[in-house]
N, C-alpha and C. Protein backbone atom coordinates (compact mmCIF):
# COMPACT_ATOMS: atom_id res chain seq x y z
N MET A 1 0.85 -1.18 0.00
CA MET A 1 0.00 0.00 0.00
C MET A 1 0.89 1.24 0.00
N LYS A 2 0.53 2.20 -0.82
CA LYS A 2 1.29 3.44 -0.90
C LYS A 2 0.75 4.46 0.11
N PHE A 3 1.61 5.45 0.41
CA PHE A 3 1.27 6.42 1.43
C PHE A 3 -0.02 7.18 1.10
N GLY A 4 -0.19 7.57 -0.16
CA GLY A 4 -1.41 8.27 -0.56
C GLY A 4 -2.65 7.43 -0.35
N GLU A 5 -2.53 6.13 -0.58
CA GLU A 5 -3.66 5.23 -0.36
C GLU A 5 -4.04 5.17 1.12
N VAL A 6 -3.03 5.24 1.98
CA VAL A 6 -3.28 5.25 3.43
C VAL A 6 -4.07 6.51 3.80
N LEU A 7 -3.67 7.64 3.25
CA LEU A 7 -4.38 8.90 3.53
C LEU A 7 -5.84 8.82 3.09
N ILE A 8 -6.08 8.21 1.94
CA ILE A 8 -7.46 8.04 1.46
C ILE A 8 -8.22 7.10 2.39
N LYS A 9 -7.61 5.98 2.72
CA LYS A 9 -8.26 4.99 3.58
C LYS A 9 -8.64 5.59 4.94
N LEU A 10 -7.78 6.48 5.47
CA LEU A 10 -8.06 7.14 6.74
C LEU A 10 -9.10 8.25 6.60
N GLY A 11 -9.46 8.60 5.36
CA GLY A 11 -10.45 9.64 5.13
C GLY A 11 -9.90 11.05 5.21
N TYR A 12 -8.58 11.19 5.17
CA TYR A 12 -7.96 12.51 5.28
C TYR A 12 -7.95 13.26 3.96
N ILE A 13 -7.96 12.52 2.85
CA ILE A 13 -7.98 13.14 1.53
C ILE A 13 -8.90 12.35 0.61
N THR A 14 -9.22 12.97 -0.50
CA THR A 14 -10.00 12.30 -1.54
C THR A 14 -9.03 11.85 -2.64
N PRO A 15 -9.47 10.96 -3.50
CA PRO A 15 -8.62 10.58 -4.64
C PRO A 15 -8.22 11.79 -5.49
N GLU A 16 -9.11 12.79 -5.57
CA GLU A 16 -8.80 13.99 -6.35
C GLU A 16 -7.66 14.78 -5.72
N LYS A 17 -7.65 14.87 -4.39
CA LYS A 17 -6.56 15.56 -3.69
C LYS A 17 -5.24 14.81 -3.88
N LEU A 18 -5.30 13.49 -3.88
CA LEU A 18 -4.10 12.71 -4.12
C LEU A 18 -3.60 12.95 -5.55
N ASP A 19 -4.51 12.98 -6.52
CA ASP A 19 -4.12 13.26 -7.91
C ASP A 19 -3.45 14.63 -8.02
N PHE A 20 -4.00 15.62 -7.30
CA PHE A 20 -3.41 16.96 -7.29
C PHE A 20 -1.96 16.88 -6.79
N ALA A 21 -1.74 16.18 -5.69
CA ALA A 21 -0.39 16.07 -5.11
C ALA A 21 0.53 15.28 -6.04
N LEU A 22 0.02 14.24 -6.67
CA LEU A 22 0.83 13.46 -7.60
C LEU A 22 1.24 14.29 -8.82
N GLN A 23 0.31 15.10 -9.30
CA GLN A 23 0.62 15.97 -10.45
C GLN A 23 1.69 16.99 -10.06
N GLU A 24 1.57 17.56 -8.86
CA GLU A 24 2.58 18.52 -8.41
C GLU A 24 3.93 17.82 -8.24
N GLN A 25 3.91 16.63 -7.70
CA GLN A 25 5.14 15.87 -7.52
C GLN A 25 5.81 15.60 -8.87
N GLU A 26 5.02 15.18 -9.85
CA GLU A 26 5.54 14.88 -11.18
C GLU A 26 6.08 16.15 -11.86
N TYR A 27 5.33 17.25 -11.73
CA TYR A 27 5.77 18.51 -12.32
C TYR A 27 7.11 18.94 -11.72
N ASN A 28 7.22 18.88 -10.40
CA ASN A 28 8.47 19.27 -9.74
C ASN A 28 9.63 18.38 -10.15
N MET A 29 9.36 17.10 -10.30
CA MET A 29 10.40 16.17 -10.70
C MET A 29 10.90 16.51 -12.10
N LYS A 30 9.98 16.81 -13.00
CA LYS A 30 10.37 17.15 -14.37
C LYS A 30 11.05 18.50 -14.45
N SER A 31 10.58 19.47 -13.67
CA SER A 31 11.11 20.83 -13.81
C SER A 31 12.40 21.07 -13.03
N VAL A 32 12.53 20.47 -11.85
CA VAL A 32 13.74 20.72 -11.05
C VAL A 32 14.50 19.44 -10.69
N GLY A 33 13.95 18.30 -11.08
CA GLY A 33 14.65 17.04 -10.83
C GLY A 33 14.52 16.53 -9.40
N PHE A 34 13.65 17.14 -8.63
CA PHE A 34 13.43 16.71 -7.24
C PHE A 34 12.02 17.09 -6.85
N SER A 35 11.43 16.28 -6.01
CA SER A 35 10.11 16.62 -5.48
C SER A 35 9.96 16.09 -4.09
N GLU A 36 9.11 16.72 -3.34
CA GLU A 36 8.81 16.29 -1.99
C GLU A 36 7.96 15.02 -2.02
N PRO A 37 7.98 14.28 -0.93
CA PRO A 37 7.04 13.16 -0.81
C PRO A 37 5.60 13.69 -0.80
N ILE A 38 4.68 12.83 -1.17
CA ILE A 38 3.26 13.18 -1.26
C ILE A 38 2.75 13.82 0.03
N GLY A 39 3.10 13.22 1.16
CA GLY A 39 2.62 13.75 2.45
C GLY A 39 3.04 15.18 2.67
N LEU A 40 4.26 15.52 2.32
CA LEU A 40 4.73 16.89 2.52
C LEU A 40 4.07 17.86 1.56
N ILE A 41 3.78 17.41 0.34
CA ILE A 41 3.06 18.27 -0.60
C ILE A 41 1.68 18.58 -0.05
N LEU A 42 1.00 17.56 0.45
CA LEU A 42 -0.34 17.76 1.01
C LEU A 42 -0.28 18.63 2.27
N LEU A 43 0.72 18.45 3.07
CA LEU A 43 0.92 19.24 4.29
C LEU A 43 1.17 20.71 3.93
N ARG A 44 2.08 20.94 3.01
CA ARG A 44 2.44 22.30 2.60
C ARG A 44 1.25 23.05 2.00
N ASN A 45 0.39 22.32 1.30
CA ASN A 45 -0.78 22.94 0.68
C ASN A 45 -1.98 23.02 1.62
N GLY A 46 -1.81 22.62 2.85
CA GLY A 46 -2.89 22.72 3.84
C GLY A 46 -4.01 21.71 3.65
N ILE A 47 -3.75 20.67 2.90
CA ILE A 47 -4.78 19.66 2.65
C ILE A 47 -4.88 18.70 3.84
N ILE A 48 -3.76 18.43 4.47
CA ILE A 48 -3.74 17.66 5.73
C ILE A 48 -2.95 18.48 6.75
N ASN A 49 -3.13 18.12 8.03
CA ASN A 49 -2.36 18.80 9.07
C ASN A 49 -1.30 17.86 9.64
N GLU A 50 -0.47 18.38 10.53
CA GLU A 50 0.64 17.60 11.11
C GLU A 50 0.14 16.33 11.80
N GLU A 51 -0.94 16.46 12.55
CA GLU A 51 -1.48 15.31 13.27
C GLU A 51 -1.93 14.22 12.30
N GLN A 52 -2.62 14.61 11.24
CA GLN A 52 -3.06 13.64 10.23
C GLN A 52 -1.86 13.00 9.55
N HIS A 53 -0.85 13.80 9.24
CA HIS A 53 0.35 13.27 8.60
C HIS A 53 1.03 12.25 9.50
N SER A 54 1.19 12.58 10.76
CA SER A 54 1.84 11.67 11.71
C SER A 54 1.06 10.36 11.85
N GLU A 55 -0.26 10.47 11.94
CA GLU A 55 -1.09 9.27 12.06
C GLU A 55 -0.99 8.42 10.78
N ALA A 56 -0.97 9.07 9.63
CA ALA A 56 -0.87 8.34 8.37
C ALA A 56 0.49 7.65 8.24
N VAL A 57 1.56 8.30 8.69
CA VAL A 57 2.89 7.68 8.65
C VAL A 57 2.88 6.41 9.48
N LYS A 58 2.32 6.51 10.69
CA LYS A 58 2.25 5.34 11.57
C LYS A 58 1.42 4.22 10.92
N LYS A 59 0.26 4.58 10.38
CA LYS A 59 -0.60 3.58 9.72
C LYS A 59 0.10 2.95 8.52
N TYR A 60 0.84 3.77 7.77
CA TYR A 60 1.57 3.26 6.62
C TYR A 60 2.52 2.15 7.06
N PHE A 61 3.26 2.39 8.13
CA PHE A 61 4.18 1.37 8.61
C PHE A 61 3.45 0.17 9.20
N GLU A 62 2.30 0.40 9.82
CA GLU A 62 1.49 -0.72 10.32
C GLU A 62 1.05 -1.61 9.16
N PHE A 63 0.58 -0.99 8.09
CA PHE A 63 0.18 -1.76 6.90
C PHE A 63 1.36 -2.53 6.33
N LEU A 64 2.51 -1.85 6.21
CA LEU A 64 3.70 -2.53 5.69
C LEU A 64 4.09 -3.72 6.57
N SER A 65 3.99 -3.55 7.87
CA SER A 65 4.40 -4.63 8.78
C SER A 65 3.52 -5.86 8.66
N GLU A 66 2.32 -5.69 8.11
CA GLU A 66 1.37 -6.79 7.96
C GLU A 66 1.22 -7.25 6.51
N ASP A 67 2.01 -6.67 5.60
CA ASP A 67 1.89 -6.97 4.17
C ASP A 67 2.82 -8.13 3.80
N PHE A 68 2.25 -9.32 3.66
CA PHE A 68 3.04 -10.50 3.36
C PHE A 68 3.49 -10.58 1.91
N SER A 69 3.15 -9.59 1.11
CA SER A 69 3.63 -9.57 -0.27
C SER A 69 5.01 -8.92 -0.38
N ILE A 70 5.47 -8.32 0.71
CA ILE A 70 6.81 -7.73 0.71
C ILE A 70 7.75 -8.63 1.52
N PRO A 71 9.05 -8.49 1.31
CA PRO A 71 10.00 -9.35 2.02
C PRO A 71 9.89 -9.22 3.54
N GLU A 72 10.19 -10.31 4.23
CA GLU A 72 10.08 -10.35 5.69
C GLU A 72 10.93 -9.27 6.36
N ASN A 73 12.13 -9.03 5.84
CA ASN A 73 12.98 -8.03 6.47
C ASN A 73 12.36 -6.63 6.39
N MET A 74 11.63 -6.34 5.33
CA MET A 74 10.95 -5.05 5.22
C MET A 74 9.79 -4.98 6.22
N ARG A 75 9.11 -6.10 6.43
CA ARG A 75 8.03 -6.11 7.42
C ARG A 75 8.59 -5.87 8.82
N LYS A 76 9.76 -6.44 9.09
CA LYS A 76 10.38 -6.25 10.40
C LYS A 76 10.77 -4.79 10.61
N ILE A 77 11.33 -4.19 9.57
CA ILE A 77 11.69 -2.77 9.68
C ILE A 77 10.45 -1.92 9.92
N ALA A 78 9.38 -2.24 9.21
CA ALA A 78 8.15 -1.48 9.40
C ALA A 78 7.63 -1.63 10.83
N SER A 79 7.73 -2.83 11.40
CA SER A 79 7.30 -3.04 12.79
C SER A 79 8.14 -2.20 13.75
N ILE A 80 9.43 -2.15 13.50
CA ILE A 80 10.30 -1.34 14.35
C ILE A 80 9.95 0.14 14.19
N ALA A 81 9.65 0.54 12.96
CA ALA A 81 9.27 1.94 12.71
C ALA A 81 8.01 2.30 13.49
N VAL A 82 7.05 1.39 13.54
CA VAL A 82 5.81 1.65 14.30
C VAL A 82 6.15 1.90 15.77
N ARG A 83 7.00 1.03 16.32
CA ARG A 83 7.38 1.21 17.72
C ARG A 83 8.14 2.52 17.92
N ALA A 84 8.99 2.86 16.97
CA ALA A 84 9.75 4.11 17.06
C ALA A 84 8.81 5.31 17.01
N LEU A 85 7.80 5.24 16.16
CA LEU A 85 6.85 6.35 16.04
C LEU A 85 5.96 6.47 17.27
N GLU A 86 5.76 5.37 17.96
CA GLU A 86 4.96 5.40 19.19
C GLU A 86 5.76 5.89 20.38
N ASN A 87 7.06 6.01 20.22
CA ASN A 87 7.96 6.44 21.29
C ASN A 87 7.58 7.85 21.73
N LYS A 88 7.28 8.03 22.99
CA LYS A 88 6.89 9.34 23.53
C LYS A 88 8.04 10.06 24.23
N ASN A 89 9.19 9.41 24.34
CA ASN A 89 10.35 10.01 24.99
C ASN A 89 10.92 11.08 24.07
N GLU A 90 10.83 12.35 24.47
CA GLU A 90 11.27 13.45 23.61
C GLU A 90 12.74 13.36 23.23
N GLU A 91 13.57 12.73 24.08
CA GLU A 91 15.00 12.63 23.78
C GLU A 91 15.30 11.63 22.67
N THR A 92 14.45 10.63 22.52
CA THR A 92 14.70 9.60 21.50
C THR A 92 13.60 9.52 20.45
N LYS A 93 12.68 10.47 20.45
CA LYS A 93 11.59 10.49 19.50
C LYS A 93 12.09 10.89 18.11
N LEU A 94 11.56 10.23 17.07
CA LEU A 94 11.95 10.56 15.70
C LEU A 94 11.40 11.92 15.29
N SER A 95 12.22 12.70 14.61
CA SER A 95 11.78 13.99 14.08
C SER A 95 10.93 13.77 12.83
N HIS A 96 10.23 14.80 12.43
CA HIS A 96 9.42 14.74 11.22
C HIS A 96 10.31 14.42 10.02
N GLU A 97 11.47 15.04 9.96
CA GLU A 97 12.40 14.82 8.84
C GLU A 97 12.87 13.36 8.81
N SER A 98 13.10 12.80 10.00
CA SER A 98 13.53 11.40 10.06
C SER A 98 12.43 10.47 9.56
N LYS A 99 11.19 10.79 9.90
CA LYS A 99 10.08 9.98 9.43
C LYS A 99 10.02 9.98 7.90
N VAL A 100 10.16 11.16 7.32
CA VAL A 100 10.11 11.28 5.87
C VAL A 100 11.27 10.52 5.23
N ALA A 101 12.45 10.68 5.79
CA ALA A 101 13.62 9.97 5.25
C ALA A 101 13.42 8.47 5.34
N LEU A 102 12.84 8.02 6.42
CA LEU A 102 12.58 6.60 6.62
C LEU A 102 11.59 6.07 5.59
N ILE A 103 10.53 6.80 5.36
CA ILE A 103 9.55 6.39 4.34
C ILE A 103 10.21 6.29 2.97
N ASN A 104 10.98 7.31 2.63
CA ASN A 104 11.65 7.32 1.32
C ASN A 104 12.62 6.16 1.18
N LYS A 105 13.41 5.89 2.20
CA LYS A 105 14.41 4.83 2.12
C LYS A 105 13.74 3.46 2.02
N ILE A 106 12.71 3.25 2.81
CA ILE A 106 12.01 1.96 2.75
C ILE A 106 11.39 1.76 1.37
N ALA A 107 10.75 2.79 0.84
CA ALA A 107 10.15 2.68 -0.49
C ALA A 107 11.21 2.41 -1.55
N GLU A 108 12.33 3.09 -1.44
CA GLU A 108 13.42 2.89 -2.40
C GLU A 108 13.96 1.46 -2.35
N LEU A 109 14.19 0.96 -1.15
CA LEU A 109 14.72 -0.40 -1.01
C LEU A 109 13.70 -1.44 -1.44
N GLU A 110 12.42 -1.22 -1.11
CA GLU A 110 11.37 -2.14 -1.55
C GLU A 110 11.37 -2.25 -3.06
N GLU A 111 11.45 -1.11 -3.73
CA GLU A 111 11.43 -1.10 -5.19
C GLU A 111 12.64 -1.81 -5.76
N LYS A 112 13.81 -1.54 -5.24
CA LYS A 112 15.03 -2.18 -5.74
C LYS A 112 14.99 -3.69 -5.54
N ILE A 113 14.60 -4.12 -4.35
CA ILE A 113 14.54 -5.55 -4.06
C ILE A 113 13.54 -6.23 -5.00
N SER A 114 12.40 -5.60 -5.19
CA SER A 114 11.37 -6.17 -6.07
C SER A 114 11.86 -6.29 -7.51
N VAL A 115 12.45 -5.23 -8.02
CA VAL A 115 12.92 -5.23 -9.40
C VAL A 115 14.03 -6.26 -9.60
N ILE A 116 14.98 -6.28 -8.70
CA ILE A 116 16.10 -7.21 -8.84
C ILE A 116 15.63 -8.65 -8.67
N SER A 117 14.72 -8.90 -7.73
CA SER A 117 14.22 -10.26 -7.50
C SER A 117 13.56 -10.84 -8.74
N GLU A 118 12.90 -9.99 -9.51
CA GLU A 118 12.17 -10.44 -10.68
C GLU A 118 12.99 -10.39 -11.97
N SER A 119 14.24 -9.95 -11.87
CA SER A 119 15.05 -9.78 -13.07
C SER A 119 16.02 -10.94 -13.26
N ASP A 120 16.68 -10.91 -14.40
CA ASP A 120 17.70 -11.91 -14.71
C ASP A 120 19.09 -11.26 -14.74
N VAL A 121 19.30 -10.23 -13.94
CA VAL A 121 20.58 -9.52 -13.96
C VAL A 121 21.71 -10.40 -13.44
N GLU A 122 22.90 -10.09 -13.95
CA GLU A 122 24.08 -10.78 -13.45
C GLU A 122 24.28 -10.40 -12.00
N LYS A 123 24.84 -11.31 -11.25
CA LYS A 123 25.16 -11.08 -9.84
C LYS A 123 23.92 -10.69 -9.02
N LYS A 124 22.80 -11.25 -9.41
CA LYS A 124 21.54 -10.96 -8.73
C LYS A 124 21.64 -11.21 -7.23
N GLU A 125 22.21 -12.34 -6.87
CA GLU A 125 22.32 -12.70 -5.45
C GLU A 125 23.21 -11.71 -4.69
N VAL A 126 24.27 -11.25 -5.34
CA VAL A 126 25.17 -10.28 -4.71
C VAL A 126 24.43 -8.96 -4.46
N LEU A 127 23.68 -8.53 -5.46
CA LEU A 127 22.91 -7.29 -5.32
C LEU A 127 21.86 -7.41 -4.21
N LEU A 128 21.14 -8.53 -4.20
CA LEU A 128 20.12 -8.72 -3.16
C LEU A 128 20.76 -8.78 -1.78
N GLU A 129 21.90 -9.42 -1.68
CA GLU A 129 22.59 -9.50 -0.39
C GLU A 129 22.99 -8.10 0.07
N SER A 130 23.48 -7.29 -0.84
CA SER A 130 23.87 -5.92 -0.51
C SER A 130 22.67 -5.10 -0.03
N LEU A 131 21.56 -5.21 -0.74
CA LEU A 131 20.35 -4.50 -0.33
C LEU A 131 19.85 -4.98 1.02
N ASN A 132 19.90 -6.28 1.22
CA ASN A 132 19.44 -6.82 2.50
C ASN A 132 20.33 -6.36 3.65
N ARG A 133 21.63 -6.19 3.39
CA ARG A 133 22.53 -5.65 4.43
C ARG A 133 22.13 -4.21 4.77
N ARG A 134 21.79 -3.45 3.74
CA ARG A 134 21.35 -2.07 3.99
C ARG A 134 20.06 -2.05 4.79
N VAL A 135 19.16 -2.96 4.47
CA VAL A 135 17.91 -3.06 5.21
C VAL A 135 18.21 -3.39 6.68
N GLU A 136 19.12 -4.31 6.90
CA GLU A 136 19.49 -4.68 8.28
C GLU A 136 20.09 -3.50 9.03
N LYS A 137 20.86 -2.68 8.34
CA LYS A 137 21.44 -1.49 8.98
C LYS A 137 20.33 -0.53 9.40
N ILE A 138 19.37 -0.29 8.52
CA ILE A 138 18.24 0.58 8.86
C ILE A 138 17.51 0.00 10.07
N LYS A 139 17.32 -1.31 10.06
CA LYS A 139 16.63 -1.97 11.16
C LYS A 139 17.37 -1.72 12.49
N LYS A 140 18.68 -1.87 12.49
CA LYS A 140 19.45 -1.64 13.71
C LYS A 140 19.36 -0.19 14.15
N ASP A 141 19.43 0.72 13.18
CA ASP A 141 19.31 2.14 13.51
C ASP A 141 17.94 2.44 14.13
N LEU A 142 16.90 1.87 13.54
CA LEU A 142 15.55 2.11 14.04
C LEU A 142 15.34 1.53 15.45
N GLU A 143 15.97 0.40 15.71
CA GLU A 143 15.81 -0.22 17.02
C GLU A 143 16.27 0.70 18.14
N LYS A 144 17.17 1.60 17.84
CA LYS A 144 17.63 2.58 18.84
C LYS A 144 16.49 3.48 19.29
N PHE A 145 15.51 3.70 18.41
CA PHE A 145 14.42 4.61 18.71
C PHE A 145 13.14 3.91 19.16
N ALA A 146 13.14 2.59 19.07
CA ALA A 146 11.92 1.83 19.39
C ALA A 146 11.89 1.43 20.85
């Protein structure tokens, strides 16, 4: 499940609002080569508020942690992320920027693992092992906050 779908499922946005954010994201990517994540676009445009964004981030990771169509290590990272996001200790609580970085990194690694798993590339196992090591590093980093 994608982050925008979580926002729709929670009733925070409509499909039309998601399309608006996706169009802005695509335009920014084409014009400047970079774009914000969907959640930040919606936040910046006042379509959702900080509380809704935080709840959607948590739900996104909850969905990922229960999604058996993704690799087990990604589900484990998502579970750790949920615990980290529930952390109320101000000294070890994840910042908004960290949450966004975490979402982006998990999505990036999910995509790479999926593409490589389904391909016939040379050294496929080496590439998957490298990605899985990166996933394990993220997992260890997240455990510090959970």
